Amino acid sequence: MLQMRPNCECCDKDLPPEREGAFICSFERTFCEECASSILGGACPNCGGELAPRPARSPDLLAKYPASTQRIFKPLDGVQAV
């Protein structure tokens, strides 16, 4: 089951689990659409893997399987987040 992390690791933008707009790699590193496409060019800066759209989780499943509250913020050196 996906952890559904709450923010973009690059710019710290909130990424609610019930909405689209988040991208993840196979290690579940999480990024917003803007960072994934512009700054990162579709590749994870941690593992080099492809960034794919993270599926949204429906409200009834969020109640049973809550999203993670752990925020990971690792801005890239020398890169301005959007």
N, C-alpha and C. Protein backbone atom coordinates (compact mmCIF):
# COMPACT_ATOMS: atom_id res chain seq x y z
N MET A 1 0.84 -1.17 0.00
CA MET A 1 0.00 0.00 0.00
C MET A 1 0.89 1.24 0.00
N LEU A 2 0.56 2.20 -0.83
CA LEU A 2 1.33 3.45 -0.90
C LEU A 2 1.22 4.23 0.41
N GLN A 3 2.33 4.87 0.79
CA GLN A 3 2.33 5.69 2.00
C GLN A 3 1.55 6.99 1.81
N MET A 4 1.46 7.46 0.58
CA MET A 4 0.76 8.72 0.27
C MET A 4 1.36 9.87 1.09
N ARG A 5 2.63 10.14 0.85
CA ARG A 5 3.33 11.21 1.59
C ARG A 5 2.67 12.56 1.31
N PRO A 6 2.68 13.46 2.30
CA PRO A 6 1.86 14.66 2.25
C PRO A 6 2.44 15.87 1.52
N ASN A 7 3.68 15.76 1.00
CA ASN A 7 4.28 16.96 0.41
C ASN A 7 5.28 16.61 -0.68
N CYS A 8 5.61 17.64 -1.46
CA CYS A 8 6.66 17.52 -2.47
C CYS A 8 8.01 17.60 -1.77
N GLU A 9 8.88 16.64 -2.04
CA GLU A 9 10.20 16.64 -1.42
C GLU A 9 11.06 17.80 -1.89
N CYS A 10 10.77 18.33 -3.06
CA CYS A 10 11.61 19.36 -3.66
C CYS A 10 11.21 20.77 -3.20
N CYS A 11 9.91 21.08 -3.22
CA CYS A 11 9.47 22.46 -2.89
C CYS A 11 8.59 22.52 -1.64
N ASP A 12 8.24 21.39 -1.05
CA ASP A 12 7.43 21.28 0.17
C ASP A 12 5.96 21.64 -0.01
N LYS A 13 5.48 21.68 -1.25
CA LYS A 13 4.07 21.95 -1.53
C LYS A 13 3.22 20.81 -0.95
N ASP A 14 2.07 21.15 -0.37
CA ASP A 14 1.16 20.13 0.15
C ASP A 14 0.57 19.33 -1.01
N LEU A 15 0.48 18.02 -0.82
CA LEU A 15 -0.07 17.11 -1.83
C LEU A 15 -1.10 16.19 -1.16
N PRO A 16 -2.35 16.66 -1.05
CA PRO A 16 -3.38 15.86 -0.38
C PRO A 16 -3.58 14.51 -1.07
N PRO A 17 -3.77 13.46 -0.29
CA PRO A 17 -3.87 12.11 -0.85
C PRO A 17 -5.13 11.86 -1.68
N GLU A 18 -6.16 12.69 -1.50
CA GLU A 18 -7.40 12.48 -2.24
C GLU A 18 -7.42 13.21 -3.58
N ARG A 19 -6.33 13.92 -3.90
CA ARG A 19 -6.27 14.68 -5.16
C ARG A 19 -5.15 14.21 -6.05
N GLU A 20 -5.33 14.44 -7.34
CA GLU A 20 -4.27 14.16 -8.31
C GLU A 20 -3.23 15.27 -8.24
N GLY A 21 -2.11 15.09 -8.93
CA GLY A 21 -1.10 16.14 -8.98
C GLY A 21 0.22 15.78 -8.33
N ALA A 22 0.29 14.58 -7.77
CA ALA A 22 1.55 14.12 -7.16
C ALA A 22 2.18 13.08 -8.08
N PHE A 23 3.51 13.03 -8.06
CA PHE A 23 4.27 12.06 -8.84
C PHE A 23 5.20 11.31 -7.91
N ILE A 24 5.38 10.01 -8.16
CA ILE A 24 6.22 9.18 -7.30
C ILE A 24 7.16 8.32 -8.15
N CYS A 25 8.27 7.91 -7.52
CA CYS A 25 9.16 6.93 -8.13
C CYS A 25 8.85 5.57 -7.50
N SER A 26 9.59 4.55 -7.86
CA SER A 26 9.31 3.22 -7.33
C SER A 26 9.64 3.10 -5.84
N PHE A 27 10.36 4.09 -5.29
CA PHE A 27 10.65 4.11 -3.85
C PHE A 27 9.70 5.03 -3.10
N GLU A 28 8.67 5.50 -3.79
CA GLU A 28 7.64 6.38 -3.24
C GLU A 28 8.14 7.77 -2.88
N ARG A 29 9.26 8.18 -3.44
CA ARG A 29 9.67 9.58 -3.28
C ARG A 29 8.60 10.40 -3.98
N THR A 30 8.17 11.47 -3.39
CA THR A 30 6.98 12.18 -3.84
C THR A 30 7.29 13.61 -4.25
N PHE A 31 6.75 14.02 -5.40
CA PHE A 31 7.00 15.35 -5.95
C PHE A 31 5.72 15.90 -6.56
N CYS A 32 5.60 17.23 -6.56
CA CYS A 32 4.45 17.87 -7.21
C CYS A 32 4.65 17.84 -8.73
N GLU A 33 3.59 18.08 -9.46
CA GLU A 33 3.64 18.03 -10.92
C GLU A 33 4.62 19.05 -11.49
N GLU A 34 4.66 20.25 -10.92
CA GLU A 34 5.55 21.30 -11.41
C GLU A 34 7.02 20.89 -11.27
N CYS A 35 7.41 20.41 -10.10
CA CYS A 35 8.81 20.00 -9.89
C CYS A 35 9.15 18.78 -10.73
N ALA A 36 8.22 17.81 -10.78
CA ALA A 36 8.47 16.58 -11.54
C ALA A 36 8.74 16.87 -13.01
N SER A 37 7.96 17.79 -13.58
CA SER A 37 8.11 18.04 -15.02
C SER A 37 9.19 19.07 -15.33
N SER A 38 9.28 20.14 -14.58
CA SER A 38 10.23 21.20 -14.95
C SER A 38 11.62 21.00 -14.34
N ILE A 39 11.72 20.97 -13.05
CA ILE A 39 13.02 20.90 -12.37
C ILE A 39 13.66 19.52 -12.53
N LEU A 40 12.86 18.47 -12.39
CA LEU A 40 13.41 17.11 -12.36
C LEU A 40 13.38 16.41 -13.71
N GLY A 41 12.66 16.96 -14.67
CA GLY A 41 12.63 16.37 -16.01
C GLY A 41 12.08 14.95 -16.03
N GLY A 42 11.17 14.62 -15.10
CA GLY A 42 10.52 13.31 -15.09
C GLY A 42 11.32 12.19 -14.45
N ALA A 43 12.48 12.53 -13.84
CA ALA A 43 13.31 11.50 -13.20
C ALA A 43 13.54 11.84 -11.73
N CYS A 44 13.51 10.84 -10.88
CA CYS A 44 13.73 11.04 -9.45
C CYS A 44 15.19 11.41 -9.20
N PRO A 45 15.44 12.48 -8.43
CA PRO A 45 16.82 12.87 -8.15
C PRO A 45 17.51 11.94 -7.15
N ASN A 46 16.75 11.11 -6.47
CA ASN A 46 17.30 10.19 -5.47
C ASN A 46 17.75 8.87 -6.08
N CYS A 47 16.88 8.28 -6.92
CA CYS A 47 17.18 6.95 -7.47
C CYS A 47 17.37 6.96 -8.99
N GLY A 48 17.02 8.06 -9.65
CA GLY A 48 17.14 8.14 -11.10
C GLY A 48 15.98 7.49 -11.84
N GLY A 49 15.02 6.94 -11.10
CA GLY A 49 13.88 6.26 -11.72
C GLY A 49 12.85 7.22 -12.28
N GLU A 50 11.98 6.67 -13.09
CA GLU A 50 10.89 7.43 -13.71
C GLU A 50 9.90 7.90 -12.66
N LEU A 51 9.39 9.12 -12.83
CA LEU A 51 8.34 9.63 -11.96
C LEU A 51 7.00 9.40 -12.66
N ALA A 52 6.08 8.76 -11.95
CA ALA A 52 4.77 8.43 -12.50
C ALA A 52 3.69 9.07 -11.64
N PRO A 53 2.53 9.36 -12.22
CA PRO A 53 1.44 9.94 -11.42
C PRO A 53 1.06 9.03 -10.26
N ARG A 54 0.93 9.64 -9.09
CA ARG A 54 0.48 8.90 -7.91
C ARG A 54 -1.04 8.83 -7.95
N PRO A 55 -1.62 7.65 -7.77
CA PRO A 55 -3.09 7.58 -7.77
C PRO A 55 -3.66 8.27 -6.54
N ALA A 56 -4.86 8.82 -6.70
CA ALA A 56 -5.56 9.41 -5.56
C ALA A 56 -6.20 8.28 -4.75
N ARG A 57 -6.44 8.54 -3.47
CA ARG A 57 -7.11 7.55 -2.62
C ARG A 57 -8.47 8.11 -2.23
N SER A 58 -9.51 7.33 -2.41
CA SER A 58 -10.87 7.79 -2.13
C SER A 58 -11.07 8.06 -0.63
N PRO A 59 -11.98 8.99 -0.30
CA PRO A 59 -12.20 9.35 1.11
C PRO A 59 -12.56 8.16 2.00
N ASP A 60 -13.36 7.22 1.50
CA ASP A 60 -13.72 6.07 2.34
C ASP A 60 -12.51 5.19 2.63
N LEU A 61 -11.61 5.05 1.66
CA LEU A 61 -10.39 4.28 1.91
C LEU A 61 -9.39 5.05 2.75
N LEU A 62 -9.38 6.39 2.64
CA LEU A 62 -8.51 7.19 3.50
C LEU A 62 -8.89 7.03 4.97
N ALA A 63 -10.18 6.89 5.23
CA ALA A 63 -10.63 6.70 6.61
C ALA A 63 -10.10 5.38 7.17
N LYS A 64 -10.09 4.36 6.33
CA LYS A 64 -9.63 3.04 6.77
C LYS A 64 -8.10 2.91 6.71
N TYR A 65 -7.50 3.53 5.67
CA TYR A 65 -6.05 3.46 5.45
C TYR A 65 -5.51 4.89 5.31
N PRO A 66 -5.25 5.57 6.40
CA PRO A 66 -4.82 6.98 6.34
C PRO A 66 -3.48 7.16 5.63
N ALA A 67 -3.33 8.32 5.05
CA ALA A 67 -2.07 8.69 4.40
C ALA A 67 -1.01 8.97 5.45
N SER A 68 0.23 8.93 5.02
CA SER A 68 1.35 9.24 5.91
C SER A 68 1.32 10.71 6.30
N THR A 69 1.80 11.03 7.47
CA THR A 69 1.94 12.42 7.91
C THR A 69 3.41 12.84 7.92
N GLN A 70 4.29 11.92 7.59
CA GLN A 70 5.74 12.20 7.59
C GLN A 70 6.10 13.07 6.39
N ARG A 71 6.61 14.27 6.66
CA ARG A 71 7.04 15.17 5.61
C ARG A 71 8.53 14.98 5.37
N ILE A 72 8.90 14.86 4.09
CA ILE A 72 10.30 14.78 3.70
C ILE A 72 10.57 15.97 2.79
N PHE A 73 11.54 16.79 3.15
CA PHE A 73 11.86 17.99 2.37
C PHE A 73 13.35 18.00 2.15
N LYS A 74 13.75 17.83 0.89
CA LYS A 74 15.17 17.78 0.50
C LYS A 74 15.35 18.66 -0.72
N PRO A 75 15.37 19.99 -0.55
CA PRO A 75 15.52 20.86 -1.71
C PRO A 75 16.83 20.57 -2.45
N LEU A 76 16.79 20.71 -3.76
CA LEU A 76 17.98 20.46 -4.56
C LEU A 76 18.93 21.65 -4.46
N ASP A 77 20.20 21.40 -4.29
CA ASP A 77 21.20 22.47 -4.19
C ASP A 77 21.22 23.29 -5.48
N GLY A 78 21.14 24.61 -5.34
CA GLY A 78 21.26 25.50 -6.47
C GLY A 78 20.06 25.55 -7.40
N VAL A 79 18.96 24.92 -7.03
CA VAL A 79 17.78 24.91 -7.88
C VAL A 79 16.65 25.63 -7.16
N GLN A 80 16.02 26.58 -7.84
CA GLN A 80 14.89 27.30 -7.29
C GLN A 80 13.63 26.47 -7.51
N ALA A 81 12.93 26.16 -6.43
CA ALA A 81 11.66 25.44 -6.56
C ALA A 81 10.62 26.39 -7.14
N VAL A 82 9.64 25.81 -7.81
CA VAL A 82 8.57 26.61 -8.41
C VAL A 82 7.52 26.95 -7.40
